[in-house]
Protein backbone atom coordinates (compact mmCIF):
# COMPACT_ATOMS: atom_id res chain seq x y z
CA UNK A 1 8.53 -55.53 -118.32
CA UNK A 2 11.86 -53.93 -119.21
CA UNK A 3 13.16 -50.41 -119.19
CA UNK A 4 15.80 -47.87 -118.32
CA UNK A 5 15.94 -45.89 -115.06
CA UNK A 6 18.49 -43.21 -114.18
CA UNK A 7 19.26 -41.86 -110.72
CA UNK A 8 20.91 -38.44 -110.69
CA UNK A 9 22.03 -35.80 -108.22
CA UNK A 10 24.99 -33.81 -107.00
CA UNK A 11 27.86 -35.36 -105.07
CA UNK A 12 26.66 -36.48 -101.64
CA UNK A 13 23.02 -36.85 -102.71
CA UNK A 14 23.09 -40.59 -102.01
CA UNK A 15 22.86 -41.70 -105.65
CA UNK A 16 25.22 -44.66 -105.50
CA UNK A 17 23.77 -46.11 -102.31
CA UNK A 18 20.18 -45.59 -103.46
CA UNK A 19 20.85 -47.04 -106.92
CA UNK A 20 22.30 -50.19 -105.35
CA UNK A 21 19.38 -50.59 -102.91
CA UNK A 22 16.78 -50.00 -105.65
CA UNK A 23 18.37 -52.70 -107.81
CA UNK A 24 18.30 -55.11 -104.85
CA UNK A 25 14.61 -54.34 -104.26
CA UNK A 26 13.69 -54.86 -107.94
CA UNK A 27 15.28 -58.31 -107.95
CA UNK A 28 16.92 -60.45 -110.62
CA UNK A 29 15.47 -58.61 -113.60
CA UNK A 30 17.33 -55.42 -112.56
CA UNK A 31 20.90 -54.59 -113.61
CA UNK A 32 23.01 -51.84 -112.04
CA UNK A 33 25.24 -49.71 -114.27
CA UNK A 34 27.12 -46.50 -113.59
CA UNK A 35 29.02 -43.72 -115.28
CA UNK A 36 31.87 -43.45 -115.76
CA UNK A 37 31.80 -47.10 -116.77
CA UNK A 38 34.52 -49.68 -116.14
CA UNK A 39 35.36 -49.81 -119.86
CA UNK A 40 38.68 -48.55 -121.22
CA UNK A 41 36.97 -45.24 -122.05
CA UNK A 42 35.57 -45.05 -118.53
CA UNK A 43 39.07 -45.65 -117.17
CA UNK A 44 40.30 -42.73 -119.31
CA UNK A 45 37.62 -40.56 -117.68
CA UNK A 46 38.87 -41.62 -114.23
CA UNK A 47 42.48 -40.88 -115.25
CA UNK A 48 41.40 -37.40 -116.35
CA UNK A 49 39.98 -36.87 -112.87
CA UNK A 50 43.50 -37.11 -111.45
CA UNK A 51 45.06 -34.76 -114.02
CA UNK A 52 44.46 -31.22 -115.17
CA UNK A 53 42.66 -31.66 -118.49
CA UNK A 54 40.77 -29.24 -120.68
CA UNK A 55 37.07 -29.01 -119.78
CA UNK A 56 36.39 -29.80 -123.46
CA UNK A 57 38.46 -32.99 -123.22
CA UNK A 58 36.62 -33.89 -120.04
CA UNK A 59 33.18 -33.39 -121.60
CA UNK A 60 34.07 -35.35 -124.74
CA UNK A 61 35.55 -38.25 -122.75
CA UNK A 62 32.34 -38.52 -120.72
CA UNK A 63 30.31 -38.50 -123.96
CA UNK A 64 32.51 -41.15 -125.60
CA UNK A 65 32.06 -43.38 -122.55
CA UNK A 66 28.30 -42.79 -122.72
CA UNK A 67 28.09 -43.72 -126.40
CA UNK A 68 29.45 -47.17 -125.57
CA UNK A 69 27.38 -47.42 -122.40
CA UNK A 70 24.20 -46.59 -124.34
CA UNK A 71 24.77 -49.56 -126.66
CA UNK A 72 25.13 -51.86 -123.65
CA UNK A 73 21.98 -50.45 -122.01
CA UNK A 74 19.97 -51.04 -125.21
CA UNK A 75 21.15 -54.66 -125.40
CA UNK A 76 20.15 -55.30 -121.78
CA UNK A 77 16.71 -53.72 -122.23
CA UNK A 78 16.14 -55.87 -125.35
CA UNK A 79 16.86 -58.92 -123.17
CA UNK A 80 14.03 -57.86 -120.83
CA UNK A 81 16.14 -56.26 -118.10
CA UNK A 82 15.45 -53.14 -116.06
CA UNK A 83 18.68 -51.15 -116.25
CA UNK A 84 19.21 -48.76 -113.32
CA UNK A 85 22.09 -46.36 -113.93
CA UNK A 86 23.98 -44.32 -111.36
CA UNK A 87 24.37 -41.18 -113.54
CA UNK A 88 23.78 -40.68 -117.29
CA UNK A 89 23.84 -37.76 -119.72
CA UNK A 90 22.22 -35.42 -117.19
CA UNK A 91 25.45 -35.49 -115.17
CA UNK A 92 27.59 -34.46 -118.11
CA UNK A 93 25.27 -31.56 -118.91
CA UNK A 94 25.08 -30.43 -115.27
CA UNK A 95 28.77 -30.82 -114.37
CA UNK A 96 30.51 -30.02 -117.63
CA UNK A 97 28.32 -26.97 -118.31
CA UNK A 98 29.48 -25.67 -114.91
CA UNK A 99 33.12 -26.46 -115.80
CA UNK A 100 32.82 -24.76 -119.20
CA UNK A 101 31.25 -21.60 -117.77
CA UNK A 102 33.37 -18.65 -118.88
CA UNK A 103 35.31 -20.85 -121.34
CA UNK A 104 32.67 -21.88 -123.88
CA UNK A 105 31.61 -19.08 -126.26
CA UNK A 106 27.86 -19.34 -125.80
CA UNK A 107 25.51 -21.57 -123.84
CA UNK A 108 27.55 -24.64 -122.84
CA UNK A 109 24.44 -26.18 -121.26
CA UNK A 110 22.54 -26.13 -124.56
CA UNK A 111 25.54 -27.40 -126.53
CA UNK A 112 26.06 -30.33 -124.16
CA UNK A 113 22.36 -31.17 -123.96
CA UNK A 114 21.93 -31.15 -127.76
CA UNK A 115 25.08 -33.23 -128.26
CA UNK A 116 24.04 -35.85 -125.71
CA UNK A 117 20.43 -36.09 -126.86
CA UNK A 118 21.73 -36.88 -130.35
CA UNK A 119 22.91 -40.37 -129.32
CA UNK A 120 21.71 -41.10 -125.77
CA UNK A 121 18.76 -43.34 -124.98
CA UNK A 122 15.91 -41.45 -123.33
CA UNK A 123 15.29 -43.00 -119.89
CA UNK A 124 11.83 -44.32 -119.02
CA UNK A 125 12.32 -42.63 -115.66
CA UNK A 126 14.93 -40.22 -114.34
CA UNK A 127 14.96 -39.55 -110.60
CA UNK A 128 16.75 -36.37 -109.54
CA UNK A 129 17.73 -36.49 -105.87
CA UNK A 130 17.62 -32.92 -104.62
CA UNK A 131 19.69 -31.79 -101.65
CA UNK A 132 21.36 -28.50 -100.66
CA UNK A 133 24.99 -28.45 -101.87
CA UNK A 134 26.13 -27.71 -98.29
CA UNK A 135 24.62 -31.01 -97.13
CA UNK A 136 26.16 -32.84 -100.07
CA UNK A 137 29.60 -31.60 -99.05
CA UNK A 138 29.02 -32.58 -95.40
CA UNK A 139 28.18 -36.11 -96.52
CA UNK A 140 31.19 -36.23 -98.86
CA UNK A 141 33.48 -35.06 -96.03
CA UNK A 142 32.78 -38.35 -94.23
CA UNK A 143 34.67 -40.13 -97.04
CA UNK A 144 37.78 -38.17 -96.09
CA UNK A 145 38.60 -36.95 -99.61
CA UNK A 146 37.14 -34.57 -102.16
CA UNK A 147 37.10 -34.86 -105.95
CA UNK A 148 37.88 -31.85 -108.14
CA UNK A 149 34.11 -31.25 -108.47
CA UNK A 150 33.39 -31.18 -104.76
CA UNK A 151 33.55 -27.47 -103.97
CA UNK A 152 30.56 -25.49 -102.73
CA UNK A 153 30.48 -22.83 -105.46
CA UNK A 154 30.86 -25.47 -108.18
CA UNK A 155 28.17 -27.75 -106.74
CA UNK A 156 25.78 -24.79 -106.51
CA UNK A 157 26.20 -24.29 -110.28
CA UNK A 158 25.74 -28.03 -110.88
CA UNK A 159 22.57 -28.05 -108.77
CA UNK A 160 21.14 -25.13 -110.80
CA UNK A 161 21.96 -26.99 -114.02
CA UNK A 162 20.16 -30.11 -112.80
CA UNK A 163 17.06 -28.02 -112.04
CA UNK A 164 17.29 -26.48 -115.52
CA UNK A 165 17.33 -29.98 -117.06
CA UNK A 166 14.31 -30.96 -114.94
CA UNK A 167 12.37 -27.91 -116.14
CA UNK A 168 13.08 -28.86 -119.76
CA UNK A 169 12.21 -32.56 -119.37
CA UNK A 170 8.93 -33.36 -117.66
CA UNK A 171 9.83 -37.08 -117.40
CA UNK A 172 12.34 -36.19 -114.68
CA UNK A 173 10.95 -36.63 -111.16
CA UNK A 174 12.54 -34.73 -108.29
CA UNK A 175 12.79 -36.64 -105.00
CA UNK A 176 13.85 -34.98 -101.74
CA UNK A 177 17.23 -36.52 -100.98
CA UNK A 178 17.28 -35.12 -97.43
CA UNK A 179 14.75 -37.75 -96.31
CA UNK A 180 15.94 -40.88 -94.54
CA UNK A 181 17.45 -43.52 -96.82
CA UNK A 182 14.56 -45.98 -96.53
CA UNK A 183 11.99 -43.35 -97.53
CA UNK A 184 13.99 -42.33 -100.60
CA UNK A 185 14.44 -45.95 -101.73
CA UNK A 186 10.72 -46.65 -101.22
CA UNK A 187 9.80 -43.59 -103.29
CA UNK A 188 12.11 -44.55 -106.16
CA UNK A 189 10.82 -48.15 -106.21
CA UNK A 190 7.23 -46.82 -106.15
CA UNK A 191 7.97 -44.59 -109.17
CA UNK A 192 9.51 -47.50 -111.09
CA UNK A 193 6.48 -49.72 -110.41
CA UNK A 194 4.03 -46.91 -111.15
CA UNK A 195 5.48 -46.65 -114.66
CA UNK A 196 5.32 -50.44 -115.06
CA UNK A 197 9.01 -50.57 -115.94
């Protein structure tokens, strides 16, 4: 079997660690990817993280990186791989809609969702790791540095946006990210196998 799995959640939800462990558990047929990617477009996204850029520029850079990433995902799935991605379009909708709040004339969430759905591959499974933003920030604090997105008020908006996406897409499964690491990994692997991905 082949397919495409996405693991999402706010900063500090454990996404990166869980994605890596899930790929290890699935074995050689699984491939780990992440956004932003390591491509030249992904590097531009990272450079924007260190500079003050327009929230529109930010959103469009993430989408440009995703367009290229989506092509690579499709090629891997065609070769029979299970692609497990640490973030995908859900992140852009959740984070950039929060960043565009009060700037975009209208519903930035809807604009971003429609734009991304126009070219993104629909995952076979999306796992949304849910945790309180306060806990996410406590976990992030252990790294010793914060990104521009890692502020409580901002992460609260992002968390609400993720829940809005989950309400609109019944293929998204919420998993309690406050559980111990092993339990979360077991649950994600169980969901992947249940869908015969």
